[in-house]
Amino acid sequence: MKTLSSLHLRPDSRVLDIGARPGTLAIPIFAKVSQVTTVEPSPGMMQVLQENLSGRRIKNVRCIQKRWEKVDPARELDSPYDAVVAAFSLDMTDIREAIQKMIQVCSGYVYL
């Protein structure tokens, strides 16, 4: 997948995947990094994501079911992340604030 090959990831990288859907990026990324944290607001998508992770016996992906705007980084995230990916989540009400929050929890790259 061209998208994945362009990400700056190392085996010790920690990645935050915002708008993870059924694991479209989190599942291919998990084997390349040490940890993935997903944020997915949809209960249905979260269920499918968790089933996909379980079915593949993936253990290094942590899931948070919330809208990105509602996530409290100090309480719910283990930042900083080496990369933040928000490929399927740009329908946020205040995109500027959402991106600023992504930058705050990232010590590396933010991919939109």
PDB file of N, CA and C in Angstrom:
ATOM      1  N   MET A   1       0.850  -1.175   0.000  1.00  0.00           N
ATOM      2  CA  MET A   1       0.000   0.000   0.000  1.00  0.00           C
ATOM      3  C   MET A   1       0.896   1.239   0.000  1.00  0.00           C
ATOM      4  N   LYS A   2       0.724   2.098  -0.978  1.00  0.00           N
ATOM      5  CA  LYS A   2       1.567   3.280  -1.131  1.00  0.00           C
ATOM      6  C   LYS A   2       1.493   4.194   0.087  1.00  0.00           C
ATOM      7  N   THR A   3       0.317   4.362   0.676  1.00  0.00           N
ATOM      8  CA  THR A   3       0.163   5.215   1.851  1.00  0.00           C
ATOM      9  C   THR A   3       1.090   4.762   2.968  1.00  0.00           C
ATOM     10  N   LEU A   4       1.142   3.478   3.240  1.00  0.00           N
ATOM     11  CA  LEU A   4       1.968   2.957   4.323  1.00  0.00           C
ATOM     12  C   LEU A   4       3.449   3.105   4.034  1.00  0.00           C
ATOM     13  N   SER A   5       3.852   2.910   2.799  1.00  0.00           N
ATOM     14  CA  SER A   5       5.275   3.000   2.470  1.00  0.00           C
ATOM     15  C   SER A   5       5.803   4.423   2.606  1.00  0.00           C
ATOM     16  N   SER A   6       4.928   5.416   2.571  1.00  0.00           N
ATOM     17  CA  SER A   6       5.378   6.804   2.697  1.00  0.00           C
ATOM     18  C   SER A   6       5.416   7.289   4.146  1.00  0.00           C
ATOM     19  N   LEU A   7       4.940   6.477   5.091  1.00  0.00           N
ATOM     20  CA  LEU A   7       4.975   6.857   6.500  1.00  0.00           C
ATOM     21  C   LEU A   7       6.368   6.618   7.069  1.00  0.00           C
ATOM     22  N   HIS A   8       6.820   7.514   7.909  1.00  0.00           N
ATOM     23  CA  HIS A   8       8.113   7.385   8.576  1.00  0.00           C
ATOM     24  C   HIS A   8       7.912   6.582   9.854  1.00  0.00           C
ATOM     25  N   LEU A   9       8.022   5.257   9.744  1.00  0.00           N
ATOM     26  CA  LEU A   9       7.800   4.377  10.883  1.00  0.00           C
ATOM     27  C   LEU A   9       9.022   3.512  11.133  1.00  0.00           C
ATOM     28  N   ARG A  10       9.284   3.270  12.411  1.00  0.00           N
ATOM     29  CA  ARG A  10      10.376   2.394  12.838  1.00  0.00           C
ATOM     30  C   ARG A  10       9.788   1.327  13.759  1.00  0.00           C
ATOM     31  N   PRO A  11      10.517   0.283  14.032  1.00  0.00           N
ATOM     32  CA  PRO A  11      10.003  -0.761  14.932  1.00  0.00           C
ATOM     33  C   PRO A  11       9.647  -0.250  16.328  1.00  0.00           C
ATOM     34  N   ASP A  12      10.279   0.830  16.784  1.00  0.00           N
ATOM     35  CA  ASP A  12       9.971   1.371  18.114  1.00  0.00           C
ATOM     36  C   ASP A  12       8.956   2.522  18.063  1.00  0.00           C
ATOM     37  N   SER A  13       8.383   2.791  16.906  1.00  0.00           N
ATOM     38  CA  SER A  13       7.416   3.885  16.762  1.00  0.00           C
ATOM     39  C   SER A  13       6.114   3.593  17.497  1.00  0.00           C
ATOM     40  N   ARG A  14       5.521   4.681  17.959  1.00  0.00           N
ATOM     41  CA  ARG A  14       4.191   4.636  18.574  1.00  0.00           C
ATOM     42  C   ARG A  14       3.287   5.500  17.700  1.00  0.00           C
ATOM     43  N   VAL A  15       2.165   4.944  17.270  1.00  0.00           N
ATOM     44  CA  VAL A  15       1.296   5.598  16.286  1.00  0.00           C
ATOM     45  C   VAL A  15      -0.098   5.801  16.856  1.00  0.00           C
ATOM     46  N   LEU A  16      -0.661   6.974  16.590  1.00  0.00           N
ATOM     47  CA  LEU A  16      -2.047   7.280  16.932  1.00  0.00           C
ATOM     48  C   LEU A  16      -2.832   7.333  15.632  1.00  0.00           C
ATOM     49  N   ASP A  17      -3.848   6.490  15.508  1.00  0.00           N
ATOM     50  CA  ASP A  17      -4.686   6.402  14.296  1.00  0.00           C
ATOM     51  C   ASP A  17      -6.054   6.957  14.638  1.00  0.00           C
ATOM     52  N   ILE A  18      -6.356   8.139  14.140  1.00  0.00           N
ATOM     53  CA  ILE A  18      -7.625   8.816  14.421  1.00  0.00           C
ATOM     54  C   ILE A  18      -8.602   8.529  13.290  1.00  0.00           C
ATOM     55  N   GLY A  19      -9.779   8.034  13.645  1.00  0.00           N
ATOM     56  CA  GLY A  19     -10.757   7.629  12.638  1.00  0.00           C
ATOM     57  C   GLY A  19     -10.346   6.301  12.038  1.00  0.00           C
ATOM     58  N   ALA A  20     -10.090   5.340  12.902  1.00  0.00           N
ATOM     59  CA  ALA A  20      -9.487   4.066  12.504  1.00  0.00           C
ATOM     60  C   ALA A  20     -10.389   3.179  11.660  1.00  0.00           C
ATOM     61  N   ARG A  21     -11.697   3.434  11.723  1.00  0.00           N
ATOM     62  CA  ARG A  21     -12.648   2.591  11.004  1.00  0.00           C
ATOM     63  C   ARG A  21     -12.439   1.128  11.353  1.00  0.00           C
ATOM     64  N   PRO A  22     -12.485   0.174  10.423  1.00  0.00           N
ATOM     65  CA  PRO A  22     -12.322  -1.231  10.811  1.00  0.00           C
ATOM     66  C   PRO A  22     -10.858  -1.660  10.947  1.00  0.00           C
ATOM     67  N   GLY A  23      -9.940  -0.690  10.939  1.00  0.00           N
ATOM     68  CA  GLY A  23      -8.524  -1.012  11.039  1.00  0.00           C
ATOM     69  C   GLY A  23      -7.803  -0.877   9.718  1.00  0.00           C
ATOM     70  N   THR A  24      -8.340  -0.090   8.827  1.00  0.00           N
ATOM     71  CA  THR A  24      -7.801   0.063   7.480  1.00  0.00           C
ATOM     72  C   THR A  24      -6.300   0.349   7.489  1.00  0.00           C
ATOM     73  N   LEU A  25      -5.848   1.209   8.392  1.00  0.00           N
ATOM     74  CA  LEU A  25      -4.422   1.492   8.504  1.00  0.00           C
ATOM     75  C   LEU A  25      -3.799   0.832   9.731  1.00  0.00           C
ATOM     76  N   ALA A  26      -4.528   0.759  10.821  1.00  0.00           N
ATOM     77  CA  ALA A  26      -3.974   0.202  12.069  1.00  0.00           C
ATOM     78  C   ALA A  26      -3.518  -1.242  11.891  1.00  0.00           C
ATOM     79  N   ILE A  27      -4.275  -2.036  11.165  1.00  0.00           N
ATOM     80  CA  ILE A  27      -3.923  -3.450  11.008  1.00  0.00           C
ATOM     81  C   ILE A  27      -2.646  -3.620  10.183  1.00  0.00           C
ATOM     82  N   PRO A  28      -2.476  -2.948   9.042  1.00  0.00           N
ATOM     83  CA  PRO A  28      -1.206  -3.094   8.336  1.00  0.00           C
ATOM     84  C   PRO A  28      -0.020  -2.462   9.087  1.00  0.00           C
ATOM     85  N   ILE A  29      -0.286  -1.435   9.899  1.00  0.00           N
ATOM     86  CA  ILE A  29       0.787  -0.741  10.611  1.00  0.00           C
ATOM     87  C   ILE A  29       1.280  -1.527  11.812  1.00  0.00           C
ATOM     88  N   PHE A  30       0.414  -2.276  12.493  1.00  0.00           N
ATOM     89  CA  PHE A  30       0.750  -2.864  13.796  1.00  0.00           C
ATOM     90  C   PHE A  30       2.034  -3.679  13.772  1.00  0.00           C
ATOM     91  N   ALA A  31       2.313  -4.393  12.702  1.00  0.00           N
ATOM     92  CA  ALA A  31       3.498  -5.252  12.640  1.00  0.00           C
ATOM     93  C   ALA A  31       4.789  -4.466  12.423  1.00  0.00           C
ATOM     94  N   LYS A  32       4.673  -3.207  12.030  1.00  0.00           N
ATOM     95  CA  LYS A  32       5.843  -2.385  11.739  1.00  0.00           C
ATOM     96  C   LYS A  32       6.276  -1.517  12.912  1.00  0.00           C
ATOM     97  N   VAL A  33       5.437  -1.435  13.973  1.00  0.00           N
ATOM     98  CA  VAL A  33       5.682  -0.508  15.077  1.00  0.00           C
ATOM     99  C   VAL A  33       5.495  -1.212  16.429  1.00  0.00           C
ATOM    100  N   SER A  34       5.831  -0.499  17.501  1.00  0.00           N
ATOM    101  CA  SER A  34       5.683  -1.111  18.826  1.00  0.00           C
ATOM    102  C   SER A  34       4.265  -0.971  19.374  1.00  0.00           C
ATOM    103  N   GLN A  35       3.572   0.122  19.020  1.00  0.00           N
ATOM    104  CA  GLN A  35       2.230   0.339  19.568  1.00  0.00           C
ATOM    105  C   GLN A  35       1.392   1.206  18.638  1.00  0.00           C
ATOM    106  N   VAL A  36       0.109   0.885  18.562  1.00  0.00           N
ATOM    107  CA  VAL A  36      -0.862   1.704  17.843  1.00  0.00           C
ATOM    108  C   VAL A  36      -2.010   1.986  18.809  1.00  0.00           C
ATOM    109  N   THR A  37      -2.426   3.239  18.871  1.00  0.00           N
ATOM    110  CA  THR A  37      -3.629   3.610  19.603  1.00  0.00           C
ATOM    111  C   THR A  37      -4.621   4.105  18.570  1.00  0.00           C
ATOM    112  N   THR A  38      -5.827   3.557  18.595  1.00  0.00           N
ATOM    113  CA  THR A  38      -6.855   3.983  17.645  1.00  0.00           C
ATOM    114  C   THR A  38      -7.914   4.803  18.366  1.00  0.00           C
ATOM    115  N   VAL A  39      -8.471   5.765  17.648  1.00  0.00           N
ATOM    116  CA  VAL A  39      -9.614   6.546  18.117  1.00  0.00           C
ATOM    117  C   VAL A  39     -10.679   6.397  17.040  1.00  0.00           C
ATOM    118  N   GLU A  40     -11.813   5.840  17.422  1.00  0.00           N
ATOM    119  CA  GLU A  40     -12.905   5.593  16.472  1.00  0.00           C
ATOM    120  C   GLU A  40     -14.230   5.877  17.178  1.00  0.00           C
ATOM    121  N   PRO A  41     -15.025   6.816  16.663  1.00  0.00           N
ATOM    122  CA  PRO A  41     -16.264   7.176  17.346  1.00  0.00           C
ATOM    123  C   PRO A  41     -17.444   6.223  17.128  1.00  0.00           C
ATOM    124  N   SER A  42     -17.480   5.539  16.015  1.00  0.00           N
ATOM    125  CA  SER A  42     -18.635   4.724  15.666  1.00  0.00           C
ATOM    126  C   SER A  42     -18.645   3.399  16.432  1.00  0.00           C
ATOM    127  N   PRO A  43     -19.728   3.118  17.172  1.00  0.00           N
ATOM    128  CA  PRO A  43     -19.806   1.832  17.880  1.00  0.00           C
ATOM    129  C   PRO A  43     -19.714   0.639  16.925  1.00  0.00           C
ATOM    130  N   GLY A  44     -20.351   0.734  15.778  1.00  0.00           N
ATOM    131  CA  GLY A  44     -20.314  -0.359  14.808  1.00  0.00           C
ATOM    132  C   GLY A  44     -18.924  -0.586  14.250  1.00  0.00           C
ATOM    133  N   MET A  45     -18.258   0.495  13.873  1.00  0.00           N
ATOM    134  CA  MET A  45     -16.891   0.378  13.352  1.00  0.00           C
ATOM    135  C   MET A  45     -15.944  -0.121  14.440  1.00  0.00           C
ATOM    136  N   MET A  46     -16.151   0.344  15.671  1.00  0.00           N
ATOM    137  CA  MET A  46     -15.294  -0.107  16.771  1.00  0.00           C
ATOM    138  C   MET A  46     -15.448  -1.605  16.989  1.00  0.00           C
ATOM    139  N   GLN A  47     -16.667  -2.089  16.892  1.00  0.00           N
ATOM    140  CA  GLN A  47     -16.888  -3.524  17.051  1.00  0.00           C
ATOM    141  C   GLN A  47     -16.161  -4.311  15.955  1.00  0.00           C
ATOM    142  N   VAL A  48     -16.276  -3.843  14.721  1.00  0.00           N
ATOM    143  CA  VAL A  48     -15.597  -4.511  13.608  1.00  0.00           C
ATOM    144  C   VAL A  48     -14.079  -4.427  13.796  1.00  0.00           C
ATOM    145  N   LEU A  49     -13.575  -3.269  14.203  1.00  0.00           N
ATOM    146  CA  LEU A  49     -12.143  -3.109  14.454  1.00  0.00           C
ATOM    147  C   LEU A  49     -11.670  -4.105  15.505  1.00  0.00           C
ATOM    148  N   GLN A  50     -12.381  -4.196  16.614  1.00  0.00           N
ATOM    149  CA  GLN A  50     -11.979  -5.111  17.678  1.00  0.00           C
ATOM    150  C   GLN A  50     -12.061  -6.574  17.234  1.00  0.00           C
ATOM    151  N   GLU A  51     -13.070  -6.903  16.437  1.00  0.00           N
ATOM    152  CA  GLU A  51     -13.161  -8.265  15.886  1.00  0.00           C
ATOM    153  C   GLU A  51     -11.985  -8.548  14.949  1.00  0.00           C
ATOM    154  N   ASN A  52     -11.631  -7.564  14.122  1.00  0.00           N
ATOM    155  CA  ASN A  52     -10.500  -7.730  13.207  1.00  0.00           C
ATOM    156  C   ASN A  52      -9.190  -7.914  13.971  1.00  0.00           C
ATOM    157  N   LEU A  53      -9.006  -7.150  15.027  1.00  0.00           N
ATOM    158  CA  LEU A  53      -7.790  -7.272  15.843  1.00  0.00           C
ATOM    159  C   LEU A  53      -7.750  -8.625  16.545  1.00  0.00           C
ATOM    160  N   SER A  54      -8.870  -9.006  17.120  1.00  0.00           N
ATOM    161  CA  SER A  54      -8.954 -10.280  17.837  1.00  0.00           C
ATOM    162  C   SER A  54      -8.728 -11.456  16.894  1.00  0.00           C
ATOM    163  N   GLY A  55      -9.355 -11.397  15.734  1.00  0.00           N
ATOM    164  CA  GLY A  55      -9.226 -12.481  14.758  1.00  0.00           C
ATOM    165  C   GLY A  55      -7.796 -12.666  14.266  1.00  0.00           C
ATOM    166  N   ARG A  56      -7.017 -11.595  14.290  1.00  0.00           N
ATOM    167  CA  ARG A  56      -5.619 -11.662  13.867  1.00  0.00           C
ATOM    168  C   ARG A  56      -4.668 -11.780  15.064  1.00  0.00           C
ATOM    169  N   ARG A  57      -5.242 -11.856  16.248  1.00  0.00           N
ATOM    170  CA  ARG A  57      -4.467 -11.958  17.500  1.00  0.00           C
ATOM    171  C   ARG A  57      -3.477 -10.807  17.662  1.00  0.00           C
ATOM    172  N   ILE A  58      -3.937  -9.614  17.327  1.00  0.00           N
ATOM    173  CA  ILE A  58      -3.107  -8.418  17.431  1.00  0.00           C
ATOM    174  C   ILE A  58      -3.225  -7.879  18.856  1.00  0.00           C
ATOM    175  N   LYS A  59      -2.099  -7.719  19.522  1.00  0.00           N
ATOM    176  CA  LYS A  59      -2.087  -7.316  20.930  1.00  0.00           C
ATOM    177  C   LYS A  59      -1.566  -5.899  21.161  1.00  0.00           C
ATOM    178  N   ASN A  60      -0.888  -5.309  20.189  1.00  0.00           N
ATOM    179  CA  ASN A  60      -0.275  -4.004  20.421  1.00  0.00           C
ATOM    180  C   ASN A  60      -1.107  -2.830  19.880  1.00  0.00           C
ATOM    181  N   VAL A  61      -2.415  -3.030  19.791  1.00  0.00           N
ATOM    182  CA  VAL A  61      -3.321  -1.961  19.369  1.00  0.00           C
ATOM    183  C   VAL A  61      -4.316  -1.705  20.492  1.00  0.00           C
ATOM    184  N   ARG A  62      -4.346  -0.473  20.951  1.00  0.00           N
ATOM    185  CA  ARG A  62      -5.276  -0.044  21.999  1.00  0.00           C
ATOM    186  C   ARG A  62      -6.375   0.785  21.340  1.00  0.00           C
ATOM    187  N   CYS A  63      -7.627   0.555  21.722  1.00  0.00           N
ATOM    188  CA  CYS A  63      -8.762   1.222  21.079  1.00  0.00           C
ATOM    189  C   CYS A  63      -9.485   2.162  22.045  1.00  0.00           C
ATOM    190  N   ILE A  64      -9.814   3.342  21.538  1.00  0.00           N
ATOM    191  CA  ILE A  64     -10.605   4.318  22.284  1.00  0.00           C
ATOM    192  C   ILE A  64     -11.814   4.649  21.427  1.00  0.00           C
ATOM    193  N   GLN A  65     -13.005   4.420  21.973  1.00  0.00           N
ATOM    194  CA  GLN A  65     -14.224   4.716  21.221  1.00  0.00           C
ATOM    195  C   GLN A  65     -14.741   6.090  21.619  1.00  0.00           C
ATOM    196  N   LYS A  66     -14.336   7.095  20.861  1.00  0.00           N
ATOM    197  CA  LYS A  66     -14.752   8.484  21.074  1.00  0.00           C
ATOM    198  C   LYS A  66     -14.469   9.273  19.809  1.00  0.00           C
ATOM    199  N   ARG A  67     -15.107  10.420  19.722  1.00  0.00           N
ATOM    200  CA  ARG A  67     -14.718  11.392  18.697  1.00  0.00           C
ATOM    201  C   ARG A  67     -13.406  12.018  19.140  1.00  0.00           C
ATOM    202  N   TRP A  68     -12.542  12.323  18.215  1.00  0.00           N
ATOM    203  CA  TRP A  68     -11.255  12.919  18.543  1.00  0.00           C
ATOM    204  C   TRP A  68     -11.426  14.186  19.378  1.00  0.00           C
ATOM    205  N   GLU A  69     -12.450  14.961  19.059  1.00  0.00           N
ATOM    206  CA  GLU A  69     -12.687  16.206  19.770  1.00  0.00           C
ATOM    207  C   GLU A  69     -12.969  15.982  21.259  1.00  0.00           C
ATOM    208  N   LYS A  70     -13.464  14.803  21.613  1.00  0.00           N
ATOM    209  CA  LYS A  70     -13.825  14.488  23.001  1.00  0.00           C
ATOM    210  C   LYS A  70     -12.711  13.793  23.772  1.00  0.00           C
ATOM    211  N   VAL A  71     -11.641  13.398  23.108  1.00  0.00           N
ATOM    212  CA  VAL A  71     -10.538  12.705  23.774  1.00  0.00           C
ATOM    213  C   VAL A  71      -9.748  13.713  24.617  1.00  0.00           C
ATOM    214  N   ASP A  72      -9.493  13.344  25.861  1.00  0.00           N
ATOM    215  CA  ASP A  72      -8.662  14.149  26.756  1.00  0.00           C
ATOM    216  C   ASP A  72      -7.260  13.544  26.735  1.00  0.00           C
ATOM    217  N   PRO A  73      -6.319  14.174  26.021  1.00  0.00           N
ATOM    218  CA  PRO A  73      -4.989  13.584  25.885  1.00  0.00           C
ATOM    219  C   PRO A  73      -4.291  13.293  27.210  1.00  0.00           C
ATOM    220  N   ALA A  74      -4.451  14.154  28.174  1.00  0.00           N
ATOM    221  CA  ALA A  74      -3.777  13.966  29.463  1.00  0.00           C
ATOM    222  C   ALA A  74      -4.273  12.724  30.192  1.00  0.00           C
ATOM    223  N   ARG A  75      -5.519  12.376  30.014  1.00  0.00           N
ATOM    224  CA  ARG A  75      -6.109  11.245  30.733  1.00  0.00           C
ATOM    225  C   ARG A  75      -6.216   9.972  29.903  1.00  0.00           C
ATOM    226  N   GLU A  76      -6.375  10.121  28.604  1.00  0.00           N
ATOM    227  CA  GLU A  76      -6.694   8.954  27.783  1.00  0.00           C
ATOM    228  C   GLU A  76      -5.596   8.506  26.828  1.00  0.00           C
ATOM    229  N   LEU A  77      -4.594   9.336  26.641  1.00  0.00           N
ATOM    230  CA  LEU A  77      -3.535   8.994  25.696  1.00  0.00           C
ATOM    231  C   LEU A  77      -2.193   8.868  26.413  1.00  0.00           C
ATOM    232  N   ASP A  78      -1.325   8.117  25.805  1.00  0.00           N
ATOM    233  CA  ASP A  78       0.028   7.940  26.308  1.00  0.00           C
ATOM    234  C   ASP A  78       0.972   8.614  25.322  1.00  0.00           C
ATOM    235  N   SER A  79       0.885   9.933  25.258  1.00  0.00           N
ATOM    236  CA  SER A  79       1.682  10.685  24.291  1.00  0.00           C
ATOM    237  C   SER A  79       3.049  11.013  24.903  1.00  0.00           C
ATOM    238  N   PRO A  80       4.005  11.349  24.073  1.00  0.00           N
ATOM    239  CA  PRO A  80       3.867  11.701  22.663  1.00  0.00           C
ATOM    240  C   PRO A  80       3.929  10.474  21.752  1.00  0.00           C
ATOM    241  N   TYR A  81       3.298  10.622  20.605  1.00  0.00           N
ATOM    242  CA  TYR A  81       3.321   9.600  19.567  1.00  0.00           C
ATOM    243  C   TYR A  81       4.342  10.018  18.513  1.00  0.00           C
ATOM    244  N   ASP A  82       4.952   9.037  17.875  1.00  0.00           N
ATOM    245  CA  ASP A  82       5.916   9.330  16.819  1.00  0.00           C
ATOM    246  C   ASP A  82       5.220   9.721  15.521  1.00  0.00           C
ATOM    247  N   ALA A  83       3.989   9.248  15.359  1.00  0.00           N
ATOM    248  CA  ALA A  83       3.196   9.587  14.180  1.00  0.00           C
ATOM    249  C   ALA A  83       1.722   9.596  14.545  1.00  0.00           C
ATOM    250  N   VAL A  84       1.015  10.547  13.962  1.00  0.00           N
ATOM    251  CA  VAL A  84      -0.439  10.616  14.078  1.00  0.00           C
ATOM    252  C   VAL A  84      -0.979  10.520  12.662  1.00  0.00           C
ATOM    253  N   VAL A  85      -1.926   9.607  12.469  1.00  0.00           N
ATOM    254  CA  VAL A  85      -2.554   9.412  11.169  1.00  0.00           C
ATOM    255  C   VAL A  85      -4.040   9.723  11.323  1.00  0.00           C
ATOM    256  N   ALA A  86      -4.545  10.616  10.484  1.00  0.00           N
ATOM    257  CA  ALA A  86      -5.969  10.956  10.505  1.00  0.00           C
ATOM    258  C   ALA A  86      -6.468  10.938   9.066  1.00  0.00           C
ATOM    259  N   ALA A  87      -6.489   9.754   8.490  1.00  0.00           N
ATOM    260  CA  ALA A  87      -6.820   9.620   7.077  1.00  0.00           C
ATOM    261  C   ALA A  87      -8.313   9.618   6.789  1.00  0.00           C
ATOM    262  N   PHE A  88      -9.118   9.186   7.737  1.00  0.00           N
ATOM    263  CA  PHE A  88     -10.551   9.036   7.492  1.00  0.00           C
ATOM    264  C   PHE A  88     -11.378   9.833   8.489  1.00  0.00           C
ATOM    265  N   SER A  89     -10.875  10.996   8.910  1.00  0.00           N
ATOM    266  CA  SER A  89     -11.561  11.688  10.004  1.00  0.00           C
ATOM    267  C   SER A  89     -11.578  13.202   9.859  1.00  0.00           C
ATOM    268  N   LEU A  90     -11.561  13.690   8.677  1.00  0.00           N
ATOM    269  CA  LEU A  90     -11.463  15.135   8.509  1.00  0.00           C
ATOM    270  C   LEU A  90     -12.808  15.844   8.467  1.00  0.00           C
ATOM    271  N   ASP A  91     -13.835  15.217   9.029  1.00  0.00           N
ATOM    272  CA  ASP A  91     -15.154  15.843   9.100  1.00  0.00           C
ATOM    273  C   ASP A  91     -15.386  16.478  10.464  1.00  0.00           C
ATOM    274  N   MET A  92     -14.315  16.858  11.142  1.00  0.00           N
ATOM    275  CA  MET A  92     -14.403  17.424  12.478  1.00  0.00           C
ATOM    276  C   MET A  92     -14.976  18.837  12.422  1.00  0.00           C
ATOM    277  N   THR A  93     -15.719  19.194  13.450  1.00  0.00           N
ATOM    278  CA  THR A  93     -16.384  20.492  13.494  1.00  0.00           C
ATOM    279  C   THR A  93     -15.389  21.645  13.435  1.00  0.00           C
ATOM    280  N   ASP A  94     -14.344  21.593  14.253  1.00  0.00           N
ATOM    281  CA  ASP A  94     -13.313  22.633  14.268  1.00  0.00           C
ATOM    282  C   ASP A  94     -11.991  21.977  13.870  1.00  0.00           C
ATOM    283  N   ILE A  95     -11.735  21.923  12.588  1.00  0.00           N
ATOM    284  CA  ILE A  95     -10.576  21.200  12.067  1.00  0.00           C
ATOM    285  C   ILE A  95      -9.271  21.819  12.563  1.00  0.00           C
ATOM    286  N   ARG A  96      -9.228  23.126  12.705  1.00  0.00           N
ATOM    287  CA  ARG A  96      -8.004  23.778  13.203  1.00  0.00           C
ATOM    288  C   ARG A  96      -7.678  23.305  14.618  1.00  0.00           C
ATOM    289  N   GLU A  97      -8.655  23.309  15.485  1.00  0.00           N
ATOM    290  CA  GLU A  97      -8.450  22.849  16.859  1.00  0.00           C
ATOM    291  C   GLU A  97      -8.067  21.364  16.890  1.00  0.00           C
ATOM    292  N   ALA A  98      -8.722  20.582  16.057  1.00  0.00           N
ATOM    293  CA  ALA A  98      -8.424  19.143  16.003  1.00  0.00           C
ATOM    294  C   ALA A  98      -6.981  18.892  15.567  1.00  0.00           C
ATOM    295  N   ILE A  99      -6.520  19.614  14.564  1.00  0.00           N
ATOM    296  CA  ILE A  99      -5.148  19.445  14.090  1.00  0.00           C
ATOM    297  C   ILE A  99      -4.152  19.948  15.128  1.00  0.00           C
ATOM    298  N   GLN A 100      -4.454  21.040  15.791  1.00  0.00           N
ATOM    299  CA  GLN A 100      -3.569  21.538  16.850  1.00  0.00           C
ATOM    300  C   GLN A 100      -3.420  20.500  17.961  1.00  0.00           C
ATOM    301  N   LYS A 101      -4.505  19.830  18.294  1.00  0.00           N
ATOM    302  CA  LYS A 101      -4.444  18.783  19.316  1.00  0.00           C
ATOM    303  C   LYS A 101      -3.597  17.606  18.831  1.00  0.00           C
ATOM    304  N   MET A 102      -3.695  17.271  17.546  1.00  0.00           N
ATOM    305  CA  MET A 102      -2.855  16.208  16.981  1.00  0.00           C
ATOM    306  C   MET A 102      -1.380  16.577  17.101  1.00  0.00           C
ATOM    307  N   ILE A 103      -1.046  17.809  16.783  1.00  0.00           N
ATOM    308  CA  ILE A 103       0.340  18.279  16.857  1.00  0.00           C
ATOM    309  C   ILE A 103       0.836  18.218  18.298  1.00  0.00           C
ATOM    310  N   GLN A 104      -0.022  18.555  19.250  1.00  0.00           N
ATOM    311  CA  GLN A 104       0.373  18.567  20.661  1.00  0.00           C
ATOM    312  C   GLN A 104       0.744  17.170  21.169  1.00  0.00           C
ATOM    313  N   VAL A 105       0.121  16.124  20.649  1.00  0.00           N
ATOM    314  CA  VAL A 105       0.389  14.763  21.142  1.00  0.00           C
ATOM    315  C   VAL A 105       1.431  14.033  20.299  1.00  0.00           C
ATOM    316  N   CYS A 106       2.024  14.726  19.330  1.00  0.00           N
ATOM    317  CA  CYS A 106       2.942  14.088  18.402  1.00  0.00           C
ATOM    318  C   CYS A 106       4.332  14.696  18.501  1.00  0.00           C
ATOM    319  N   SER A 107       5.334  13.835  18.520  1.00  0.00           N
ATOM    320  CA  SER A 107       6.721  14.292  18.514  1.00  0.00           C
ATOM    321  C   SER A 107       7.362  14.105  17.135  1.00  0.00           C
ATOM    322  N   GLY A 108       6.589  13.605  16.196  1.00  0.00           N
ATOM    323  CA  GLY A 108       7.108  13.340  14.861  1.00  0.00           C
ATOM    324  C   GLY A 108       6.231  13.945  13.780  1.00  0.00           C
ATOM    325  N   TYR A 109       5.594  13.061  13.015  1.00  0.00           N
ATOM    326  CA  TYR A 109       4.813  13.461  11.852  1.00  0.00           C
ATOM    327  C   TYR A 109       3.319  13.331  12.096  1.00  0.00           C
ATOM    328  N   VAL A 110       2.554  14.283  11.534  1.00  0.00           N
ATOM    329  CA  VAL A 110       1.094  14.200  11.506  1.00  0.00           C
ATOM    330  C   VAL A 110       0.711  14.035  10.045  1.00  0.00           C
ATOM    331  N   TYR A 111       0.004  12.952   9.750  1.00  0.00           N
ATOM    332  CA  TYR A 111      -0.421  12.642   8.383  1.00  0.00           C
ATOM    333  C   TYR A 111      -1.929  12.806   8.278  1.00  0.00           C
ATOM    334  N   LEU A 112      -2.348  13.665   7.353  1.00  0.00           N
ATOM    335  CA  LEU A 112      -3.780  13.888   7.141  1.00  0.00           C
ATOM    336  C   LEU A 112      -4.178  13.327   5.789  1.00  0.00           C
TER     337      LEU A 112
END
